[in-house]
């Protein structure tokens, strides 16, 4: 199916729901025990199995724009350096000197010819190879074969840099993504301009993530932000293994009712959300803008960190372009930090109250159901089985 025919098919599906006041649905409702959100032991097991033994989209390709660029970050207590070598290849390493474990560089990004350990001045090139030892004549025999940086399995695909956080484990990115590749490829993420990034503290990982998976709350929580543009409680749902795509109808969708299909411009009337398991959301919300969200669990069941990347189709230059991009950035920040996560904090606060023994996911929340079933599925599989 071509991109154009896919857009038309999605618009037809969404318009049919609008006419009939319906939405895509799961076969039935689903119960989820409160412990799935609050139990510390369960939280630790799930974080280890899912976030440390499955590929994660840690960065956008545009974050490593040229050879010798790097980005350092800590992901759930794992210090990571992402680099783009002189050969153009993206790589990932543990941000720890092989001598005594000092971090080579602070969190952030830039360009570098080499990394020099601040403790004893061991040196590594941008591709992780040990290239120099201070006082080597007196230190003893050490080689690059045994003491280069610890590399993590890494693959660049669909404008994203995928990494396995556990050293020694590998993955095939095409196997991991499966048919989801065809969806991500349409986004051309490597061509966007990175306008802004920020980290947002939030409630527990699953409480935060549930909000990305449905439009049922848009008319109440987001009445002054994204809810101004989308139709509440109307969504399309498609799955690609553990990954998902949901499509919302924009408020303008009803304009198609009176137009022959040959006059449709379907992309103006639908909004796609691409959801990579376990915590990647890519959303085009307004015009030539895109929001990439990476949701990571915190150290406890009631904490998480969301990394928002605001993208524009091109670098804003004119006053009008700058205003449009800044407005988009402000809207998505407000919607997540001041609306979704405020509600989520209230949910989190009530978990131990005894008011609920379980949560109920409705038939109109199929993506929420699919996510929780996918978590359960991976918890039953051996490590290394995608």
Protein backbone atom coordinates (compact mmCIF):
# COMPACT_ATOMS: atom_id res chain seq x y z
CA UNK A 1 0.00 0.00 0.00
CA UNK A 2 1.35 3.42 -0.95
CA UNK A 3 1.49 6.29 1.53
CA UNK A 4 -1.30 8.06 -0.35
CA UNK A 5 -3.60 5.05 -0.37
CA UNK A 6 -2.88 4.41 3.31
CA UNK A 7 -3.87 7.99 4.13
CA UNK A 8 -7.11 7.63 2.19
CA UNK A 9 -7.92 4.33 3.90
CA UNK A 10 -7.33 5.85 7.34
CA UNK A 11 -9.48 8.87 6.51
CA UNK A 12 -12.31 6.58 5.37
CA UNK A 13 -12.10 4.56 8.58
CA UNK A 14 -12.06 7.68 10.75
CA UNK A 15 -14.92 9.31 8.85
CA UNK A 16 -17.05 6.17 9.20
CA UNK A 17 -16.54 6.30 12.97
CA UNK A 18 -17.44 9.98 13.03
CA UNK A 19 -20.67 9.32 11.15
CA UNK A 20 -21.59 6.38 13.35
CA UNK A 21 -20.28 7.85 16.62
CA UNK A 22 -18.05 4.80 17.06
CA UNK A 23 -14.35 3.97 17.44
CA UNK A 24 -12.04 0.98 17.02
CA UNK A 25 -12.58 -1.41 19.92
CA UNK A 26 -11.04 -4.36 21.71
CA UNK A 27 -13.15 -7.54 21.98
CA UNK A 28 -13.97 -6.82 25.64
CA UNK A 29 -12.95 -4.87 28.70
CA UNK A 30 -9.81 -5.77 30.64
CA UNK A 31 -8.94 -5.73 34.32
CA UNK A 32 -5.46 -4.78 35.52
CA UNK A 33 -4.55 -5.19 39.21
CA UNK A 34 -3.26 -2.13 41.03
CA UNK A 35 -0.05 -3.99 41.78
CA UNK A 36 0.90 -3.60 38.11
CA UNK A 37 1.44 0.08 38.91
CA UNK A 38 2.58 0.05 42.51
CA UNK A 39 4.39 -3.16 43.47
CA UNK A 40 8.14 -2.40 43.84
CA UNK A 41 9.27 -5.96 43.13
CA UNK A 42 7.13 -6.20 40.02
CA UNK A 43 8.39 -2.81 38.90
CA UNK A 44 12.01 -3.92 39.27
CA UNK A 45 11.42 -7.17 37.37
CA UNK A 46 9.61 -5.46 34.50
CA UNK A 47 12.15 -2.68 34.17
CA UNK A 48 14.98 -5.19 34.06
CA UNK A 49 13.33 -7.55 31.57
CA UNK A 50 11.86 -4.95 29.24
CA UNK A 51 14.17 -1.95 29.38
CA UNK A 52 17.51 -3.70 29.86
CA UNK A 53 16.98 -6.68 27.56
CA UNK A 54 15.08 -5.19 24.61
CA UNK A 55 16.20 -2.57 22.07
CA UNK A 56 15.42 1.01 23.04
CA UNK A 57 15.28 4.07 20.80
CA UNK A 58 17.74 6.22 22.74
CA UNK A 59 18.20 9.07 20.27
CA UNK A 60 17.23 10.56 16.95
CA UNK A 61 19.71 10.31 14.12
CA UNK A 62 19.73 14.12 13.92
CA UNK A 63 21.22 14.21 17.42
CA UNK A 64 24.47 12.90 15.89
CA UNK A 65 24.53 15.20 12.86
CA UNK A 66 28.09 14.57 11.65
CA UNK A 67 31.19 12.46 12.11
CA UNK A 68 32.82 12.91 15.55
CA UNK A 69 29.55 14.04 17.14
CA UNK A 70 28.45 12.45 20.40
CA UNK A 71 25.66 12.46 22.95
CA UNK A 72 26.13 11.34 26.56
CA UNK A 73 23.18 10.42 28.75
CA UNK A 74 22.19 8.27 31.68
CA UNK A 75 19.35 5.86 30.96
CA UNK A 76 17.94 4.24 34.10
CA UNK A 77 21.30 4.42 35.89
CA UNK A 78 23.25 3.22 32.84
CA UNK A 79 25.73 5.87 31.62
CA UNK A 80 25.82 5.78 27.82
CA UNK A 81 27.79 7.58 25.12
CA UNK A 82 26.39 7.58 21.60
CA UNK A 83 28.89 8.53 18.90
CA UNK A 84 29.08 8.87 15.16
CA UNK A 85 32.44 7.62 13.97
CA UNK A 86 34.53 9.01 11.18
CA UNK A 87 33.02 6.22 9.08
CA UNK A 88 29.53 7.68 9.68
CA UNK A 89 28.42 4.72 11.79
CA UNK A 90 26.49 5.31 15.03
CA UNK A 91 27.82 3.41 18.03
CA UNK A 92 27.00 3.13 21.72
CA UNK A 93 29.32 2.60 24.67
CA UNK A 94 29.16 2.45 28.43
CA UNK A 95 30.39 5.85 29.63
CA UNK A 96 33.05 4.40 31.90
CA UNK A 97 36.83 4.32 31.57
CA UNK A 98 38.19 0.78 31.39
CA UNK A 99 40.86 1.64 33.96
CA UNK A 100 38.89 2.54 37.10
CA UNK A 101 35.41 3.29 35.78
CA UNK A 102 35.32 7.09 35.84
CA UNK A 103 32.79 8.68 33.48
CA UNK A 104 34.53 10.09 30.44
CA UNK A 105 32.17 12.98 29.80
CA UNK A 106 29.16 14.66 31.34
CA UNK A 107 25.64 14.39 29.99
CA UNK A 108 25.20 16.49 26.89
CA UNK A 109 26.23 16.59 23.27
CA UNK A 110 28.93 18.01 21.06
CA UNK A 111 31.86 17.00 18.90
CA UNK A 112 35.10 15.41 20.00
CA UNK A 113 38.29 14.06 18.51
CA UNK A 114 38.71 11.81 21.53
CA UNK A 115 37.53 11.19 25.08
CA UNK A 116 40.02 11.71 27.90
CA UNK A 117 39.31 10.22 31.30
CA UNK A 118 39.29 12.99 33.94
CA UNK A 119 40.74 10.60 36.55
CA UNK A 120 43.98 9.21 35.04
CA UNK A 121 43.89 10.62 31.49
CA UNK A 122 43.38 7.41 29.54
CA UNK A 123 42.33 8.30 25.99
CA UNK A 124 39.78 6.78 23.60
CA UNK A 125 38.91 7.73 20.04
CA UNK A 126 35.37 8.54 18.85
CA UNK A 127 34.91 4.87 17.92
CA UNK A 128 35.69 3.72 21.46
CA UNK A 129 39.21 2.42 20.86
CA UNK A 130 41.81 2.86 23.59
CA UNK A 131 44.49 5.08 22.04
CA UNK A 132 46.62 6.28 24.92
CA UNK A 133 47.56 5.55 28.53
CA UNK A 134 49.20 8.20 30.66
CA UNK A 135 52.48 6.83 31.98
CA UNK A 136 52.20 3.72 29.87
CA UNK A 137 55.85 2.85 30.38
CA UNK A 138 55.28 2.43 34.10
CA UNK A 139 51.69 1.14 34.08
CA UNK A 140 52.19 -2.30 32.54
CA UNK A 141 50.91 -4.19 29.54
CA UNK A 142 47.36 -3.18 28.48
CA UNK A 143 46.00 -3.40 24.95
CA UNK A 144 43.16 -1.84 23.00
CA UNK A 145 41.81 -5.33 22.40
CA UNK A 146 41.02 -5.79 26.08
CA UNK A 147 40.58 -2.22 27.34
CA UNK A 148 38.66 -0.27 24.70
CA UNK A 149 35.27 1.06 25.78
CA UNK A 150 32.57 -1.48 26.48
CA UNK A 151 30.36 -1.41 23.42
CA UNK A 152 26.59 -1.84 23.44
CA UNK A 153 24.68 -3.37 20.56
CA UNK A 154 23.50 -0.45 18.43
CA UNK A 155 21.69 0.03 15.13
CA UNK A 156 20.55 3.13 13.29
CA UNK A 157 17.26 2.68 11.48
CA UNK A 158 14.28 4.83 10.47
CA UNK A 159 15.97 7.98 11.75
CA UNK A 160 16.42 6.53 15.25
CA UNK A 161 19.38 5.05 17.13
CA UNK A 162 18.43 1.79 18.84
CA UNK A 163 20.53 0.42 21.70
CA UNK A 164 20.52 -2.61 23.99
CA UNK A 165 21.53 -1.47 27.48
CA UNK A 166 23.03 -4.80 28.56
CA UNK A 167 26.62 -5.39 27.36
CA UNK A 168 27.11 -8.59 25.42
CA UNK A 169 23.51 -8.86 24.21
CA UNK A 170 22.69 -8.25 20.56
CA UNK A 171 19.60 -7.69 18.44
CA UNK A 172 18.50 -7.45 14.84
CA UNK A 173 16.67 -4.17 14.42
CA UNK A 174 14.59 -5.33 11.44
CA UNK A 175 13.41 -8.37 13.37
CA UNK A 176 12.57 -6.17 16.34
CA UNK A 177 10.58 -3.67 14.28
CA UNK A 178 9.01 -6.11 11.81
CA UNK A 179 6.23 -4.53 9.76
CA UNK A 180 6.44 -1.42 11.95
CA UNK A 181 9.36 -0.38 9.73
CA UNK A 182 6.94 0.52 6.95
CA UNK A 183 5.22 2.96 9.29
CA UNK A 184 8.38 4.56 10.69
CA UNK A 185 9.89 4.92 7.23
CA UNK A 186 7.07 7.25 6.20
CA UNK A 187 8.12 9.76 8.86
CA UNK A 188 11.55 10.54 7.38
CA UNK A 189 12.78 11.48 10.85
CA UNK A 190 16.35 11.99 9.66
CA UNK A 191 15.20 15.00 7.62
CA UNK A 192 13.60 17.00 10.45
CA UNK A 193 15.11 19.95 12.29
CA UNK A 194 15.62 19.41 16.01
CA UNK A 195 14.22 22.55 17.63
CA UNK A 196 14.23 21.74 21.33
CA UNK A 197 14.63 18.95 23.88
CA UNK A 198 13.69 18.73 27.56
CA UNK A 199 13.20 16.18 30.28
CA UNK A 200 9.93 16.09 32.21
CA UNK A 201 9.57 14.24 35.54
CA UNK A 202 6.31 12.35 35.71
CA UNK A 203 4.31 9.73 37.59
CA UNK A 204 5.05 6.03 37.32
CA UNK A 205 6.07 4.73 33.92
CA UNK A 206 2.84 2.88 33.17
CA UNK A 207 0.57 5.65 34.42
CA UNK A 208 2.45 8.11 32.24
CA UNK A 209 2.47 5.80 29.22
CA UNK A 210 -1.23 4.91 29.43
CA UNK A 211 -2.05 8.53 28.59
CA UNK A 212 -0.26 8.30 25.25
CA UNK A 213 -2.45 5.39 24.15
CA UNK A 214 -5.99 6.76 23.89
CA UNK A 215 -8.10 9.77 22.94
CA UNK A 216 -10.80 8.96 25.48
CA UNK A 217 -9.49 11.71 27.78
CA UNK A 218 -8.91 14.45 25.18
CA UNK A 219 -12.20 16.30 25.61
CA UNK A 220 -11.74 16.60 29.36
CA UNK A 221 -7.99 16.80 30.09
CA UNK A 222 -6.86 18.62 26.93
CA UNK A 223 -9.79 20.90 26.21
CA UNK A 224 -7.48 23.93 25.85
CA UNK A 225 -4.50 22.22 24.16
CA UNK A 226 -4.45 19.20 21.83
CA UNK A 227 -8.14 18.57 22.48
CA UNK A 228 -8.86 21.71 20.47
CA UNK A 229 -7.67 19.88 17.38
CA UNK A 230 -8.70 16.23 17.88
CA UNK A 231 -12.02 14.45 18.27
CA UNK A 232 -12.29 12.78 21.66
CA UNK A 233 -13.07 9.06 21.93
CA UNK A 234 -12.47 8.39 18.24
CA UNK A 235 -9.37 6.45 17.26
CA UNK A 236 -8.10 3.82 14.87
CA UNK A 237 -5.86 1.06 16.18
CA UNK A 238 -3.35 -1.13 14.33
CA UNK A 239 -0.67 -3.38 15.80
CA UNK A 240 2.74 -4.49 14.53
CA UNK A 241 3.90 -7.12 16.97
CA UNK A 242 4.64 -5.24 20.21
CA UNK A 243 4.39 -1.88 18.44
CA UNK A 244 1.25 0.08 17.60
CA UNK A 245 -0.20 2.89 15.55
CA UNK A 246 -3.19 4.88 16.66
CA UNK A 247 -4.88 7.50 14.51
CA UNK A 248 -7.05 10.32 15.81
CA UNK A 249 -9.53 12.33 13.80
CA UNK A 250 -8.91 16.04 13.69
CA UNK A 251 -11.77 18.42 14.32
CA UNK A 252 -11.79 19.20 10.60
CA UNK A 253 -12.59 15.59 9.69
CA UNK A 254 -16.28 16.34 9.23
CA UNK A 255 -15.39 18.58 6.27
CA UNK A 256 -14.83 15.40 4.25
CA UNK A 257 -18.47 14.42 4.57
CA UNK A 258 -19.50 16.80 1.82
CA UNK A 259 -16.50 16.32 -0.47
CA UNK A 260 -15.97 13.69 -3.19
CA UNK A 261 -12.93 11.56 -2.37
CA UNK A 262 -10.96 12.90 -5.32
CA UNK A 263 -10.92 16.26 -3.53
CA UNK A 264 -9.77 14.90 -0.18
CA UNK A 265 -6.47 15.90 1.42
CA UNK A 266 -6.59 13.22 4.12
CA UNK A 267 -3.43 14.22 6.00
CA UNK A 268 -5.09 17.48 7.00
CA UNK A 269 -7.82 15.60 8.85
CA UNK A 270 -6.09 12.76 10.72
CA UNK A 271 -3.30 12.57 13.28
CA UNK A 272 -1.03 9.53 13.51
CA UNK A 273 0.71 8.40 16.70
CA UNK A 274 3.44 5.78 16.22
CA UNK A 275 4.13 3.86 19.40
CA UNK A 276 7.32 1.83 19.66
CA UNK A 277 7.35 -0.59 22.57
CA UNK A 278 8.06 0.01 25.38
CA UNK A 279 8.04 3.83 25.54
CA UNK A 280 8.53 5.64 22.23
CA UNK A 281 5.77 7.91 20.89
CA UNK A 282 6.07 9.87 17.64
CA UNK A 283 3.25 12.29 17.02
CA UNK A 284 2.61 14.84 14.30
CA UNK A 285 0.17 17.26 15.86
CA UNK A 286 0.10 20.62 14.11
CA UNK A 287 1.20 21.43 10.59
CA UNK A 288 4.89 20.89 9.92
CA UNK A 289 5.77 19.85 13.44
CA UNK A 290 6.41 16.57 15.20
CA UNK A 291 6.82 15.51 18.83
CA UNK A 292 9.00 12.55 19.81
CA UNK A 293 8.54 11.34 23.38
CA UNK A 294 10.72 8.77 25.14
CA UNK A 295 9.24 7.58 28.43
CA UNK A 296 11.59 5.80 30.85
CA UNK A 297 10.81 4.31 34.27
CA UNK A 298 12.27 5.99 37.33
CA UNK A 299 13.95 4.10 40.18
CA UNK A 300 10.62 3.59 41.95
CA UNK A 301 7.14 2.66 40.70
CA UNK A 302 5.89 6.23 41.20
CA UNK A 303 8.50 8.02 39.08
CA UNK A 304 9.39 8.37 35.41
CA UNK A 305 11.31 10.65 33.08
CA UNK A 306 9.99 11.74 29.69
CA UNK A 307 12.36 13.14 27.12
CA UNK A 308 10.54 15.40 24.65
CA UNK A 309 12.08 16.28 21.31
CA UNK A 310 10.33 19.00 19.34
CA UNK A 311 10.92 18.74 15.59
CA UNK A 312 10.12 21.11 12.74
CA UNK A 313 10.00 20.19 9.08
CA UNK A 314 12.66 22.84 8.50
CA UNK A 315 14.62 25.25 10.64
CA UNK A 316 12.30 28.16 11.52
CA UNK A 317 13.75 31.35 10.10
CA UNK A 318 11.01 33.91 9.60
CA UNK A 319 9.17 35.46 12.56
CA UNK A 320 6.04 33.55 11.51
CA UNK A 321 7.90 30.21 11.42
CA UNK A 322 9.55 30.86 14.76
CA UNK A 323 6.19 31.75 16.34
CA UNK A 324 4.52 28.63 14.92
CA UNK A 325 7.27 26.33 16.18
CA UNK A 326 7.43 27.94 19.61
CA UNK A 327 3.65 27.75 19.90
CA UNK A 328 3.71 24.04 19.05
CA UNK A 329 6.49 23.47 21.59
CA UNK A 330 4.52 25.29 24.29
CA UNK A 331 1.29 23.40 23.55
CA UNK A 332 2.85 19.93 23.77
CA UNK A 333 4.77 20.83 26.92
CA UNK A 334 1.60 22.13 28.55
CA UNK A 335 -0.44 19.11 27.45
CA UNK A 336 2.01 16.61 28.92
CA UNK A 337 3.54 18.35 31.95
CA UNK A 338 0.60 20.44 33.14
CA UNK A 339 -2.33 18.24 32.06
CA UNK A 340 -1.49 14.56 31.56
CA UNK A 341 1.09 14.32 34.31
CA UNK A 342 -0.92 16.35 36.81
CA UNK A 343 -3.77 13.87 36.35
CA UNK A 344 -1.23 11.03 36.53
CA UNK A 345 0.16 12.35 39.81
CA UNK A 346 -3.35 12.20 41.23
CA UNK A 347 -3.75 8.64 40.04
CA UNK A 348 -0.40 7.77 41.59
CA UNK A 349 -1.35 9.34 44.92
CA UNK A 350 -4.49 7.22 45.14
CA UNK A 351 -2.95 3.82 44.41
CA UNK A 352 -2.42 2.94 48.06
CA UNK A 353 -5.79 4.26 49.22
CA UNK A 354 -7.67 1.01 48.70
CA UNK A 355 -10.26 2.74 46.56
CA UNK A 356 -9.42 0.46 43.64
CA UNK A 357 -8.23 -3.13 43.62
CA UNK A 358 -7.88 -3.02 39.85
CA UNK A 359 -8.28 -0.67 36.92
CA UNK A 360 -10.67 -1.34 34.05
CA UNK A 361 -9.59 -0.73 30.46
CA UNK A 362 -12.54 -0.15 28.17
CA UNK A 363 -13.19 -1.65 24.77
CA UNK A 364 -12.55 1.84 23.41
CA UNK A 365 -8.99 1.68 24.81
CA UNK A 366 -7.53 -1.11 22.63
CA UNK A 367 -4.00 0.34 22.56
CA UNK A 368 -3.88 0.44 26.36
CA UNK A 369 -4.96 -3.19 26.46
CA UNK A 370 -2.42 -4.22 23.83
CA UNK A 371 0.40 -2.53 25.72
CA UNK A 372 -0.32 -4.25 29.02
CA UNK A 373 -0.76 -7.61 27.32
CA UNK A 374 2.59 -7.09 25.59
CA UNK A 375 4.29 -6.35 28.91
CA UNK A 376 2.83 -9.56 30.32
CA UNK A 377 3.94 -11.50 27.25
CA UNK A 378 7.57 -10.40 27.51
CA UNK A 379 7.65 -11.19 31.22
CA UNK A 380 6.88 -14.79 30.32
CA UNK A 381 9.66 -15.05 27.71
CA UNK A 382 13.31 -15.85 28.18
CA UNK A 383 15.79 -13.03 27.77
CA UNK A 384 17.04 -12.85 24.19
CA UNK A 385 13.70 -13.85 22.65
CA UNK A 386 12.30 -10.72 20.87
